[in-house]
Amino acid sequence: MPPMKLAPKEFGLPARTLLEQVDGNTIAIVIDRKSRIIMADGRKILEKAQKIKTLQASITVALKTTAPLCSKTIKFLEAEGIQLILY
C-alpha cells in the first residue's frame, strides 16, 4: 500500500505541512529538503506531533526525511517517541 497524503488542516497544522499515512497506525511528518535538520526544527516537529496525538492518541508519529539530521536532534526525537524514516 503506497503512503496516502493527509490534509494537515484536519490536525490543526499549517497548510504547508506534509503528512502521510504510512500504515494503519503511523502518520509521518514529511520534510523533503537538502539542509540539515537541527534542534530548532526538532522542537517544531515535536509540536506538530503533539497536535496529531491530541486528536488521535493511539497513532504513532514518525519523521520521514531525506535531509541529514543532527545527532542531538535524533536523540531528542527518539526520546520523545518519534520514529525516524530516512528515504
PDB file of N, CA and C in Angstrom:
ATOM      1  N   MET A   1       0.845  -1.180   0.000  1.00  0.00           N
ATOM      2  CA  MET A   1       0.000   0.000   0.000  1.00  0.00           C
ATOM      3  C   MET A   1       0.887   1.240   0.000  1.00  0.00           C
ATOM      4  N   PRO A   2       0.774   2.106  -1.006  1.00  0.00           N
ATOM      5  CA  PRO A   2       1.594   3.325  -1.032  1.00  0.00           C
ATOM      6  C   PRO A   2       1.118   4.312   0.030  1.00  0.00           C
ATOM      7  N   PRO A   3       2.030   5.154   0.533  1.00  0.00           N
ATOM      8  CA  PRO A   3       1.634   6.143   1.547  1.00  0.00           C
ATOM      9  C   PRO A   3       0.559   7.082   1.007  1.00  0.00           C
ATOM     10  N   MET A   4      -0.409   7.392   1.856  1.00  0.00           N
ATOM     11  CA  MET A   4      -1.514   8.257   1.460  1.00  0.00           C
ATOM     12  C   MET A   4      -1.315   9.645   2.070  1.00  0.00           C
ATOM     13  N   LYS A   5      -1.475  10.690   1.257  1.00  0.00           N
ATOM     14  CA  LYS A   5      -1.351  12.068   1.737  1.00  0.00           C
ATOM     15  C   LYS A   5      -2.541  12.409   2.624  1.00  0.00           C
ATOM     16  N   LEU A   6      -2.283  13.157   3.697  1.00  0.00           N
ATOM     17  CA  LEU A   6      -3.342  13.591   4.605  1.00  0.00           C
ATOM     18  C   LEU A   6      -3.412  15.115   4.608  1.00  0.00           C
ATOM     19  N   ALA A   7      -4.586  15.660   4.905  1.00  0.00           N
ATOM     20  CA  ALA A   7      -4.770  17.113   4.978  1.00  0.00           C
ATOM     21  C   ALA A   7      -4.302  17.614   6.338  1.00  0.00           C
ATOM     22  N   PRO A   8      -3.308  18.506   6.375  1.00  0.00           N
ATOM     23  CA  PRO A   8      -2.801  18.999   7.664  1.00  0.00           C
ATOM     24  C   PRO A   8      -3.833  19.808   8.445  1.00  0.00           C
ATOM     25  N   LYS A   9      -4.780  20.433   7.752  1.00  0.00           N
ATOM     26  CA  LYS A   9      -5.807  21.243   8.423  1.00  0.00           C
ATOM     27  C   LYS A   9      -6.667  20.387   9.364  1.00  0.00           C
ATOM     28  N   GLU A  10      -6.825  19.096   9.044  1.00  0.00           N
ATOM     29  CA  GLU A  10      -7.617  18.198   9.899  1.00  0.00           C
ATOM     30  C   GLU A  10      -6.990  18.059  11.286  1.00  0.00           C
ATOM     31  N   PHE A  11      -5.681  18.287  11.368  1.00  0.00           N
ATOM     32  CA  PHE A  11      -4.962  18.153  12.635  1.00  0.00           C
ATOM     33  C   PHE A  11      -4.606  19.510  13.238  1.00  0.00           C
ATOM     34  N   GLY A  12      -5.098  20.584  12.618  1.00  0.00           N
ATOM     35  CA  GLY A  12      -4.811  21.925  13.123  1.00  0.00           C
ATOM     36  C   GLY A  12      -3.385  22.369  12.837  1.00  0.00           C
ATOM     37  N   LEU A  13      -2.789  21.841  11.761  1.00  0.00           N
ATOM     38  CA  LEU A  13      -1.411  22.173  11.404  1.00  0.00           C
ATOM     39  C   LEU A  13      -1.396  23.142  10.221  1.00  0.00           C
ATOM     40  N   PRO A  14      -0.277  23.870  10.042  1.00  0.00           N
ATOM     41  CA  PRO A  14      -0.178  24.781   8.891  1.00  0.00           C
ATOM     42  C   PRO A  14      -0.347  24.035   7.572  1.00  0.00           C
ATOM     43  N   ALA A  15      -0.880  24.724   6.567  1.00  0.00           N
ATOM     44  CA  ALA A  15      -1.180  24.108   5.271  1.00  0.00           C
ATOM     45  C   ALA A  15       0.066  23.587   4.557  1.00  0.00           C
ATOM     46  N   ARG A  16       1.232  24.152   4.855  1.00  0.00           N
ATOM     47  CA  ARG A  16       2.465  23.735   4.181  1.00  0.00           C
ATOM     48  C   ARG A  16       3.058  22.448   4.768  1.00  0.00           C
ATOM     49  N   THR A  17       2.496  21.966   5.862  1.00  0.00           N
ATOM     50  CA  THR A  17       2.965  20.725   6.467  1.00  0.00           C
ATOM     51  C   THR A  17       2.552  19.541   5.598  1.00  0.00           C
ATOM     52  N   LEU A  18       3.495  18.644   5.315  1.00  0.00           N
ATOM     53  CA  LEU A  18       3.192  17.447   4.535  1.00  0.00           C
ATOM     54  C   LEU A  18       3.018  16.268   5.485  1.00  0.00           C
ATOM     55  N   LEU A  19       1.889  15.594   5.376  1.00  0.00           N
ATOM     56  CA  LEU A  19       1.599  14.426   6.205  1.00  0.00           C
ATOM     57  C   LEU A  19       1.287  13.239   5.311  1.00  0.00           C
ATOM     58  N   GLU A  20       1.758  12.059   5.724  1.00  0.00           N
ATOM     59  CA  GLU A  20       1.457  10.818   5.007  1.00  0.00           C
ATOM     60  C   GLU A  20       0.991   9.768   5.997  1.00  0.00           C
ATOM     61  N   GLN A  21       0.009   8.971   5.567  1.00  0.00           N
ATOM     62  CA  GLN A  21      -0.426   7.811   6.350  1.00  0.00           C
ATOM     63  C   GLN A  21       0.472   6.664   5.897  1.00  0.00           C
ATOM     64  N   VAL A  22       1.442   6.276   6.721  1.00  0.00           N
ATOM     65  CA  VAL A  22       2.403   5.246   6.343  1.00  0.00           C
ATOM     66  C   VAL A  22       1.742   3.868   6.394  1.00  0.00           C
ATOM     67  N   ASP A  23       1.055   3.597   7.492  1.00  0.00           N
ATOM     68  CA  ASP A  23       0.264   2.370   7.625  1.00  0.00           C
ATOM     69  C   ASP A  23      -0.942   2.709   8.497  1.00  0.00           C
ATOM     70  N   GLY A  24      -1.682   1.709   8.894  1.00  0.00           N
ATOM     71  CA  GLY A  24      -2.910   1.951   9.651  1.00  0.00           C
ATOM     72  C   GLY A  24      -2.704   2.632  10.978  1.00  0.00           C
ATOM     73  N   ASN A  25      -1.481   2.580  11.516  1.00  0.00           N
ATOM     74  CA  ASN A  25      -1.228   3.107  12.845  1.00  0.00           C
ATOM     75  C   ASN A  25      -0.153   4.183  12.876  1.00  0.00           C
ATOM     76  N   THR A  26       0.385   4.594  11.721  1.00  0.00           N
ATOM     77  CA  THR A  26       1.502   5.539  11.693  1.00  0.00           C
ATOM     78  C   THR A  26       1.242   6.689  10.722  1.00  0.00           C
ATOM     79  N   ILE A  27       1.442   7.905  11.240  1.00  0.00           N
ATOM     80  CA  ILE A  27       1.386   9.109  10.411  1.00  0.00           C
ATOM     81  C   ILE A  27       2.789   9.698  10.398  1.00  0.00           C
ATOM     82  N   ALA A  28       3.279  10.040   9.202  1.00  0.00           N
ATOM     83  CA  ALA A  28       4.620  10.616   9.067  1.00  0.00           C
ATOM     84  C   ALA A  28       4.533  12.087   8.709  1.00  0.00           C
ATOM     85  N   ILE A  29       5.362  12.888   9.383  1.00  0.00           N
ATOM     86  CA  ILE A  29       5.575  14.278   9.002  1.00  0.00           C
ATOM     87  C   ILE A  29       6.710  14.232   7.988  1.00  0.00           C
ATOM     88  N   VAL A  30       6.471  14.737   6.780  1.00  0.00           N
ATOM     89  CA  VAL A  30       7.445  14.627   5.692  1.00  0.00           C
ATOM     90  C   VAL A  30       8.201  15.944   5.535  1.00  0.00           C
ATOM     91  N   ILE A  31       9.538  15.853   5.554  1.00  0.00           N
ATOM     92  CA  ILE A  31      10.390  17.016   5.305  1.00  0.00           C
ATOM     93  C   ILE A  31      11.333  16.636   4.174  1.00  0.00           C
ATOM     94  N   ASP A  32      11.129  17.272   3.022  1.00  0.00           N
ATOM     95  CA  ASP A  32      11.940  16.976   1.840  1.00  0.00           C
ATOM     96  C   ASP A  32      12.791  18.198   1.512  1.00  0.00           C
ATOM     97  N   ARG A  33      14.010  18.204   2.014  1.00  0.00           N
ATOM     98  CA  ARG A  33      14.932  19.305   1.748  1.00  0.00           C
ATOM     99  C   ARG A  33      16.359  18.808   1.852  1.00  0.00           C
ATOM    100  N   LYS A  34      17.287  19.637   1.425  1.00  0.00           N
ATOM    101  CA  LYS A  34      18.699  19.245   1.431  1.00  0.00           C
ATOM    102  C   LYS A  34      19.420  19.651   2.715  1.00  0.00           C
ATOM    103  N   SER A  35      18.982  20.750   3.347  1.00  0.00           N
ATOM    104  CA  SER A  35      19.703  21.264   4.511  1.00  0.00           C
ATOM    105  C   SER A  35      19.438  20.424   5.763  1.00  0.00           C
ATOM    106  N   ARG A  36      20.392  20.447   6.661  1.00  0.00           N
ATOM    107  CA  ARG A  36      20.363  19.658   7.893  1.00  0.00           C
ATOM    108  C   ARG A  36      19.186  20.036   8.790  1.00  0.00           C
ATOM    109  N   ILE A  37      18.610  19.025   9.446  1.00  0.00           N
ATOM    110  CA  ILE A  37      17.555  19.248  10.432  1.00  0.00           C
ATOM    111  C   ILE A  37      18.240  19.394  11.786  1.00  0.00           C
ATOM    112  N   ILE A  38      18.057  20.564  12.427  1.00  0.00           N
ATOM    113  CA  ILE A  38      18.727  20.867  13.695  1.00  0.00           C
ATOM    114  C   ILE A  38      17.700  20.893  14.829  1.00  0.00           C
ATOM    115  N   MET A  39      18.155  21.171  16.041  1.00  0.00           N
ATOM    116  CA  MET A  39      17.283  21.136  17.218  1.00  0.00           C
ATOM    117  C   MET A  39      16.076  22.070  17.088  1.00  0.00           C
ATOM    118  N   ALA A  40      16.256  23.249  16.511  1.00  0.00           N
ATOM    119  CA  ALA A  40      15.123  24.173  16.343  1.00  0.00           C
ATOM    120  C   ALA A  40      14.030  23.501  15.515  1.00  0.00           C
ATOM    121  N   ASP A  41      14.441  22.773  14.459  1.00  0.00           N
ATOM    122  CA  ASP A  41      13.478  22.032  13.641  1.00  0.00           C
ATOM    123  C   ASP A  41      12.858  20.900  14.451  1.00  0.00           C
ATOM    124  N   GLY A  42      13.671  20.247  15.261  1.00  0.00           N
ATOM    125  CA  GLY A  42      13.211  19.132  16.084  1.00  0.00           C
ATOM    126  C   GLY A  42      12.108  19.542  17.045  1.00  0.00           C
ATOM    127  N   ARG A  43      12.241  20.730  17.628  1.00  0.00           N
ATOM    128  CA  ARG A  43      11.209  21.223  18.548  1.00  0.00           C
ATOM    129  C   ARG A  43       9.900  21.498  17.799  1.00  0.00           C
ATOM    130  N   LYS A  44      10.002  22.042  16.580  1.00  0.00           N
ATOM    131  CA  LYS A  44       8.804  22.299  15.769  1.00  0.00           C
ATOM    132  C   LYS A  44       8.130  20.987  15.362  1.00  0.00           C
ATOM    133  N   ILE A  45       8.948  19.992  15.032  1.00  0.00           N
ATOM    134  CA  ILE A  45       8.420  18.671  14.674  1.00  0.00           C
ATOM    135  C   ILE A  45       7.678  18.074  15.867  1.00  0.00           C
ATOM    136  N   LEU A  46       8.263  18.221  17.061  1.00  0.00           N
ATOM    137  CA  LEU A  46       7.626  17.697  18.272  1.00  0.00           C
ATOM    138  C   LEU A  46       6.282  18.379  18.515  1.00  0.00           C
ATOM    139  N   GLU A  47       6.206  19.697  18.314  1.00  0.00           N
ATOM    140  CA  GLU A  47       4.943  20.417  18.494  1.00  0.00           C
ATOM    141  C   GLU A  47       3.873  19.868  17.549  1.00  0.00           C
ATOM    142  N   LYS A  48       4.251  19.634  16.303  1.00  0.00           N
ATOM    143  CA  LYS A  48       3.305  19.095  15.319  1.00  0.00           C
ATOM    144  C   LYS A  48       2.866  17.685  15.715  1.00  0.00           C
ATOM    145  N   ALA A  49       3.817  16.881  16.183  1.00  0.00           N
ATOM    146  CA  ALA A  49       3.495  15.511  16.601  1.00  0.00           C
ATOM    147  C   ALA A  49       2.522  15.520  17.782  1.00  0.00           C
ATOM    148  N   GLN A  50       2.717  16.451  18.700  1.00  0.00           N
ATOM    149  CA  GLN A  50       1.824  16.530  19.855  1.00  0.00           C
ATOM    150  C   GLN A  50       0.412  16.927  19.442  1.00  0.00           C
ATOM    151  N   LYS A  51       0.283  17.817  18.439  1.00  0.00           N
ATOM    152  CA  LYS A  51      -1.053  18.190  17.941  1.00  0.00           C
ATOM    153  C   LYS A  51      -1.750  16.986  17.329  1.00  0.00           C
ATOM    154  N   ILE A  52      -0.996  16.186  16.574  1.00  0.00           N
ATOM    155  CA  ILE A  52      -1.568  14.984  15.967  1.00  0.00           C
ATOM    156  C   ILE A  52      -2.025  14.021  17.056  1.00  0.00           C
ATOM    157  N   LYS A  53      -1.190  13.838  18.083  1.00  0.00           N
ATOM    158  CA  LYS A  53      -1.509  12.891  19.163  1.00  0.00           C
ATOM    159  C   LYS A  53      -2.710  13.348  19.996  1.00  0.00           C
ATOM    160  N   THR A  54      -2.947  14.665  20.113  1.00  0.00           N
ATOM    161  CA  THR A  54      -4.111  15.108  20.889  1.00  0.00           C
ATOM    162  C   THR A  54      -5.411  14.704  20.199  1.00  0.00           C
ATOM    163  N   LEU A  55      -5.385  14.627  18.863  1.00  0.00           N
ATOM    164  CA  LEU A  55      -6.588  14.222  18.130  1.00  0.00           C
ATOM    165  C   LEU A  55      -6.709  12.713  17.998  1.00  0.00           C
ATOM    166  N   GLN A  56      -5.569  12.025  17.869  1.00  0.00           N
ATOM    167  CA  GLN A  56      -5.575  10.567  17.730  1.00  0.00           C
ATOM    168  C   GLN A  56      -4.469   9.991  18.603  1.00  0.00           C
ATOM    169  N   ALA A  57      -4.802   9.712  19.855  1.00  0.00           N
ATOM    170  CA  ALA A  57      -3.801   9.294  20.838  1.00  0.00           C
ATOM    171  C   ALA A  57      -3.130   7.967  20.498  1.00  0.00           C
ATOM    172  N   SER A  58      -3.818   7.080  19.786  1.00  0.00           N
ATOM    173  CA  SER A  58      -3.256   5.750  19.513  1.00  0.00           C
ATOM    174  C   SER A  58      -2.294   5.743  18.321  1.00  0.00           C
ATOM    175  N   ILE A  59      -2.189   6.859  17.617  1.00  0.00           N
ATOM    176  CA  ILE A  59      -1.346   6.952  16.416  1.00  0.00           C
ATOM    177  C   ILE A  59       0.132   7.092  16.789  1.00  0.00           C
ATOM    178  N   THR A  60       0.991   6.432  16.012  1.00  0.00           N
ATOM    179  CA  THR A  60       2.430   6.610  16.128  1.00  0.00           C
ATOM    180  C   THR A  60       2.828   7.679  15.121  1.00  0.00           C
ATOM    181  N   VAL A  61       3.634   8.643  15.576  1.00  0.00           N
ATOM    182  CA  VAL A  61       4.082   9.720  14.690  1.00  0.00           C
ATOM    183  C   VAL A  61       5.536   9.466  14.307  1.00  0.00           C
ATOM    184  N   ALA A  62       5.837   9.629  13.015  1.00  0.00           N
ATOM    185  CA  ALA A  62       7.192   9.412  12.512  1.00  0.00           C
ATOM    186  C   ALA A  62       7.642  10.651  11.745  1.00  0.00           C
ATOM    187  N   LEU A  63       8.940  10.770  11.578  1.00  0.00           N
ATOM    188  CA  LEU A  63       9.522  11.819  10.734  1.00  0.00           C
ATOM    189  C   LEU A  63      10.117  11.132   9.523  1.00  0.00           C
ATOM    190  N   LYS A  64       9.632  11.501   8.335  1.00  0.00           N
ATOM    191  CA  LYS A  64      10.135  10.929   7.089  1.00  0.00           C
ATOM    192  C   LYS A  64      10.900  12.037   6.373  1.00  0.00           C
ATOM    193  N   THR A  65      12.198  11.816   6.140  1.00  0.00           N
ATOM    194  CA  THR A  65      13.003  12.885   5.573  1.00  0.00           C
ATOM    195  C   THR A  65      14.146  12.375   4.709  1.00  0.00           C
ATOM    196  N   THR A  66      14.596  13.260   3.814  1.00  0.00           N
ATOM    197  CA  THR A  66      15.784  12.995   3.009  1.00  0.00           C
ATOM    198  C   THR A  66      16.975  13.777   3.569  1.00  0.00           C
ATOM    199  N   ALA A  67      16.699  14.712   4.458  1.00  0.00           N
ATOM    200  CA  ALA A  67      17.737  15.603   4.991  1.00  0.00           C
ATOM    201  C   ALA A  67      18.588  14.916   6.058  1.00  0.00           C
ATOM    202  N   PRO A  68      19.854  15.323   6.168  1.00  0.00           N
ATOM    203  CA  PRO A  68      20.669  14.814   7.269  1.00  0.00           C
ATOM    204  C   PRO A  68      20.146  15.373   8.596  1.00  0.00           C
ATOM    205  N   LEU A  69      20.278  14.591   9.661  1.00  0.00           N
ATOM    206  CA  LEU A  69      19.813  15.019  10.978  1.00  0.00           C
ATOM    207  C   LEU A  69      20.992  15.202  11.921  1.00  0.00           C
ATOM    208  N   CYS A  70      20.933  16.241  12.712  1.00  0.00           N
ATOM    209  CA  CYS A  70      21.904  16.486  13.771  1.00  0.00           C
ATOM    210  C   CYS A  70      21.759  15.343  14.790  1.00  0.00           C
ATOM    211  N   SER A  71      22.871  14.835  15.301  1.00  0.00           N
ATOM    212  CA  SER A  71      22.823  13.692  16.226  1.00  0.00           C
ATOM    213  C   SER A  71      22.047  14.026  17.499  1.00  0.00           C
ATOM    214  N   LYS A  72      22.145  15.256  17.963  1.00  0.00           N
ATOM    215  CA  LYS A  72      21.407  15.681  19.151  1.00  0.00           C
ATOM    216  C   LYS A  72      19.898  15.659  18.875  1.00  0.00           C
ATOM    217  N   THR A  73      19.513  16.038  17.669  1.00  0.00           N
ATOM    218  CA  THR A  73      18.101  16.044  17.281  1.00  0.00           C
ATOM    219  C   THR A  73      17.566  14.622  17.174  1.00  0.00           C
ATOM    220  N   ILE A  74      18.383  13.707  16.648  1.00  0.00           N
ATOM    221  CA  ILE A  74      17.970  12.293  16.560  1.00  0.00           C
ATOM    222  C   ILE A  74      17.653  11.766  17.956  1.00  0.00           C
ATOM    223  N   LYS A  75      18.540  12.002  18.910  1.00  0.00           N
ATOM    224  CA  LYS A  75      18.325  11.535  20.287  1.00  0.00           C
ATOM    225  C   LYS A  75      17.077  12.165  20.891  1.00  0.00           C
ATOM    226  N   PHE A  76      16.892  13.472  20.650  1.00  0.00           N
ATOM    227  CA  PHE A  76      15.739  14.208  21.170  1.00  0.00           C
ATOM    228  C   PHE A  76      14.429  13.620  20.643  1.00  0.00           C
ATOM    229  N   LEU A  77      14.338  13.410  19.334  1.00  0.00           N
ATOM    230  CA  LEU A  77      13.107  12.892  18.729  1.00  0.00           C
ATOM    231  C   LEU A  77      12.829  11.460  19.163  1.00  0.00           C
ATOM    232  N   GLU A  78      13.874  10.632  19.225  1.00  0.00           N
ATOM    233  CA  GLU A  78      13.677   9.250  19.657  1.00  0.00           C
ATOM    234  C   GLU A  78      13.238   9.189  21.113  1.00  0.00           C
ATOM    235  N   ALA A  79      13.775  10.072  21.953  1.00  0.00           N
ATOM    236  CA  ALA A  79      13.377  10.112  23.366  1.00  0.00           C
ATOM    237  C   ALA A  79      11.910  10.521  23.506  1.00  0.00           C
ATOM    238  N   GLU A  80      11.414  11.306  22.565  1.00  0.00           N
ATOM    239  CA  GLU A  80      10.015  11.745  22.585  1.00  0.00           C
ATOM    240  C   GLU A  80       9.086  10.743  21.900  1.00  0.00           C
ATOM    241  N   GLY A  81       9.637   9.636  21.402  1.00  0.00           N
ATOM    242  CA  GLY A  81       8.826   8.574  20.796  1.00  0.00           C
ATOM    243  C   GLY A  81       8.492   8.797  19.336  1.00  0.00           C
ATOM    244  N   ILE A  82       9.262   9.632  18.650  1.00  0.00           N
ATOM    245  CA  ILE A  82       9.028   9.877  17.234  1.00  0.00           C
ATOM    246  C   ILE A  82       9.983   9.006  16.430  1.00  0.00           C
ATOM    247  N   GLN A  83       9.414   8.139  15.597  1.00  0.00           N
ATOM    248  CA  GLN A  83      10.227   7.257  14.761  1.00  0.00           C
ATOM    249  C   GLN A  83      10.882   8.049  13.637  1.00  0.00           C
ATOM    250  N   LEU A  84      12.019   7.575  13.159  1.00  0.00           N
ATOM    251  CA  LEU A  84      12.700   8.216  12.035  1.00  0.00           C
ATOM    252  C   LEU A  84      12.652   7.288  10.823  1.00  0.00           C
ATOM    253  N   ILE A  85      12.202   7.823   9.696  1.00  0.00           N
ATOM    254  CA  ILE A  85      12.170   7.078   8.437  1.00  0.00           C
ATOM    255  C   ILE A  85      13.033   7.879   7.462  1.00  0.00           C
ATOM    256  N   LEU A  86      14.195   7.349   7.128  1.00  0.00           N
ATOM    257  CA  LEU A  86      15.083   8.041   6.202  1.00  0.00           C
ATOM    258  C   LEU A  86      14.932   7.396   4.833  1.00  0.00           C
ATOM    259  N   TYR A  87      14.666   8.203   3.830  1.00  0.00           N
ATOM    260  CA  TYR A  87      14.483   7.667   2.473  1.00  0.00           C
ATOM    261  C   TYR A  87      15.316   8.418   1.475  1.00  0.00           C
TER     262      TYR A  87
END
